């Protein structure tokens, strides 16, 4: 992030949420690759792994939503920061 917020704690919170989001994206990307492999090989065991990994992605989503709600409640961001969140 090129610009720094007046509150360094807000920046730290935003960095933590961004890291979670990136990790969730990596898991999702791996799931897509596995799903393609499952389809091309007609392998239900790989498809089962993809389905099982969905639980992890859903947990990331819930965690990120909670963290963003917490940041909004604690930091009362400006409109610009709110759009970023």
C-alpha atoms as a PDB file:
ATOM      1  CA  UNK A   1       0.000   0.000   0.000  1.00  0.00           C
ATOM      2  CA  UNK A   2       1.699   3.203  -1.127  1.00  0.00           C
ATOM      3  CA  UNK A   3      -0.152   5.595   1.192  1.00  0.00           C
ATOM      4  CA  UNK A   4      -0.046   5.339   4.963  1.00  0.00           C
ATOM      5  CA  UNK A   5      -3.082   6.022   7.082  1.00  0.00           C
ATOM      6  CA  UNK A   6      -2.891   8.436   9.980  1.00  0.00           C
ATOM      7  CA  UNK A   7      -3.415   5.507  12.305  1.00  0.00           C
ATOM      8  CA  UNK A   8      -0.610   2.983  12.140  1.00  0.00           C
ATOM      9  CA  UNK A   9      -2.897   0.499  13.901  1.00  0.00           C
ATOM     10  CA  UNK A  10      -5.419   0.854  11.059  1.00  0.00           C
ATOM     11  CA  UNK A  11      -2.611   0.077   8.622  1.00  0.00           C
ATOM     12  CA  UNK A  12      -1.646  -2.972  10.673  1.00  0.00           C
ATOM     13  CA  UNK A  13      -5.269  -4.160  10.764  1.00  0.00           C
ATOM     14  CA  UNK A  14      -5.586  -3.653   7.023  1.00  0.00           C
ATOM     15  CA  UNK A  15      -2.347  -5.549   6.383  1.00  0.00           C
ATOM     16  CA  UNK A  16      -3.590  -8.481   8.491  1.00  0.00           C
ATOM     17  CA  UNK A  17      -6.883  -8.628   6.595  1.00  0.00           C
ATOM     18  CA  UNK A  18      -5.043  -8.372   3.266  1.00  0.00           C
ATOM     19  CA  UNK A  19      -2.799 -11.275   4.254  1.00  0.00           C
ATOM     20  CA  UNK A  20      -5.833 -13.405   5.112  1.00  0.00           C
ATOM     21  CA  UNK A  21      -7.454 -12.484   1.818  1.00  0.00           C
ATOM     22  CA  UNK A  22      -4.327 -13.413  -0.118  1.00  0.00           C
ATOM     23  CA  UNK A  23      -4.102 -16.747   1.699  1.00  0.00           C
ATOM     24  CA  UNK A  24      -7.752 -17.444   0.919  1.00  0.00           C
ATOM     25  CA  UNK A  25      -7.060 -16.628  -2.728  1.00  0.00           C
ATOM     26  CA  UNK A  26      -4.164 -19.077  -2.780  1.00  0.00           C
ATOM     27  CA  UNK A  27      -6.322 -21.856  -1.356  1.00  0.00           C
ATOM     28  CA  UNK A  28      -9.044 -21.053  -3.878  1.00  0.00           C
ATOM     29  CA  UNK A  29      -6.555 -21.087  -6.747  1.00  0.00           C
ATOM     30  CA  UNK A  30      -5.303 -24.517  -5.660  1.00  0.00           C
ATOM     31  CA  UNK A  31      -8.894 -25.746  -5.463  1.00  0.00           C
ATOM     32  CA  UNK A  32      -9.546 -24.621  -9.037  1.00  0.00           C
ATOM     33  CA  UNK A  33      -6.442 -26.448 -10.248  1.00  0.00           C
ATOM     34  CA  UNK A  34      -7.528 -29.577  -8.354  1.00  0.00           C
ATOM     35  CA  UNK A  35     -11.041 -29.342  -9.779  1.00  0.00           C
ATOM     36  CA  UNK A  36      -9.654 -29.151 -13.314  1.00  0.00           C
ATOM     37  CA  UNK A  37      -7.467 -32.177 -12.614  1.00  0.00           C
ATOM     38  CA  UNK A  38     -10.428 -34.068 -11.177  1.00  0.00           C
ATOM     39  CA  UNK A  39     -12.491 -33.348 -14.263  1.00  0.00           C
ATOM     40  CA  UNK A  40      -9.747 -34.165 -16.757  1.00  0.00           C
ATOM     41  CA  UNK A  41      -8.840 -37.420 -15.012  1.00  0.00           C
ATOM     42  CA  UNK A  42     -12.391 -38.242 -13.968  1.00  0.00           C
ATOM     43  CA  UNK A  43     -11.042 -38.769 -10.443  1.00  0.00           C
ATOM     44  CA  UNK A  44     -13.625 -38.513  -7.689  1.00  0.00           C
ATOM     45  CA  UNK A  45     -11.010 -38.665  -4.930  1.00  0.00           C
ATOM     46  CA  UNK A  46      -9.514 -35.369  -6.123  1.00  0.00           C
ATOM     47  CA  UNK A  47     -13.025 -33.910  -6.384  1.00  0.00           C
ATOM     48  CA  UNK A  48     -13.641 -34.981  -2.775  1.00  0.00           C
ATOM     49  CA  UNK A  49     -10.486 -33.096  -1.725  1.00  0.00           C
ATOM     50  CA  UNK A  50     -11.797 -29.960  -3.426  1.00  0.00           C
ATOM     51  CA  UNK A  51     -15.110 -30.280  -1.639  1.00  0.00           C
ATOM     52  CA  UNK A  52     -13.333 -30.780   1.696  1.00  0.00           C
ATOM     53  CA  UNK A  53     -11.157 -27.688   1.122  1.00  0.00           C
ATOM     54  CA  UNK A  54     -14.275 -25.570   0.680  1.00  0.00           C
ATOM     55  CA  UNK A  55     -14.736 -25.633   4.450  1.00  0.00           C
ATOM     56  CA  UNK A  56     -11.394 -23.851   4.828  1.00  0.00           C
ATOM     57  CA  UNK A  57     -12.318 -21.177   2.272  1.00  0.00           C
ATOM     58  CA  UNK A  58     -15.658 -20.604   3.996  1.00  0.00           C
ATOM     59  CA  UNK A  59     -13.863 -20.222   7.343  1.00  0.00           C
ATOM     60  CA  UNK A  60     -11.552 -17.628   5.776  1.00  0.00           C
ATOM     61  CA  UNK A  61     -14.555 -15.703   4.472  1.00  0.00           C
ATOM     62  CA  UNK A  62     -16.260 -15.646   7.868  1.00  0.00           C
ATOM     63  CA  UNK A  63     -13.033 -14.632   9.614  1.00  0.00           C
ATOM     64  CA  UNK A  64     -12.332 -11.826   7.139  1.00  0.00           C
ATOM     65  CA  UNK A  65     -15.900 -10.523   7.399  1.00  0.00           C
ATOM     66  CA  UNK A  66     -15.673 -10.484  11.200  1.00  0.00           C
ATOM     67  CA  UNK A  67     -12.313  -8.744  11.172  1.00  0.00           C
ATOM     68  CA  UNK A  68     -13.537  -6.060   8.768  1.00  0.00           C
ATOM     69  CA  UNK A  69     -16.642  -5.499  10.894  1.00  0.00           C
ATOM     70  CA  UNK A  70     -14.411  -5.180  13.939  1.00  0.00           C
ATOM     71  CA  UNK A  71     -12.144  -2.674  12.182  1.00  0.00           C
ATOM     72  CA  UNK A  72     -15.156  -0.607  11.125  1.00  0.00           C
ATOM     73  CA  UNK A  73     -16.479  -0.607  14.683  1.00  0.00           C
ATOM     74  CA  UNK A  74     -13.149   0.224  16.337  1.00  0.00           C
ATOM     75  CA  UNK A  75     -11.650   2.646  13.820  1.00  0.00           C
ATOM     76  CA  UNK A  76     -14.731   4.367  12.370  1.00  0.00           C
ATOM     77  CA  UNK A  77     -13.014   4.778   8.986  1.00  0.00           C
ATOM     78  CA  UNK A  78     -13.586   7.650   6.615  1.00  0.00           C
ATOM     79  CA  UNK A  79     -15.519   7.047   3.390  1.00  0.00           C
ATOM     80  CA  UNK A  80     -12.308   6.388   1.442  1.00  0.00           C
ATOM     81  CA  UNK A  81     -11.057   3.862   3.990  1.00  0.00           C
ATOM     82  CA  UNK A  82     -14.492   2.288   4.221  1.00  0.00           C
ATOM     83  CA  UNK A  83     -14.508   1.672   0.470  1.00  0.00           C
ATOM     84  CA  UNK A  84     -11.073   0.085   0.794  1.00  0.00           C
ATOM     85  CA  UNK A  85     -12.329  -2.258   3.478  1.00  0.00           C
END
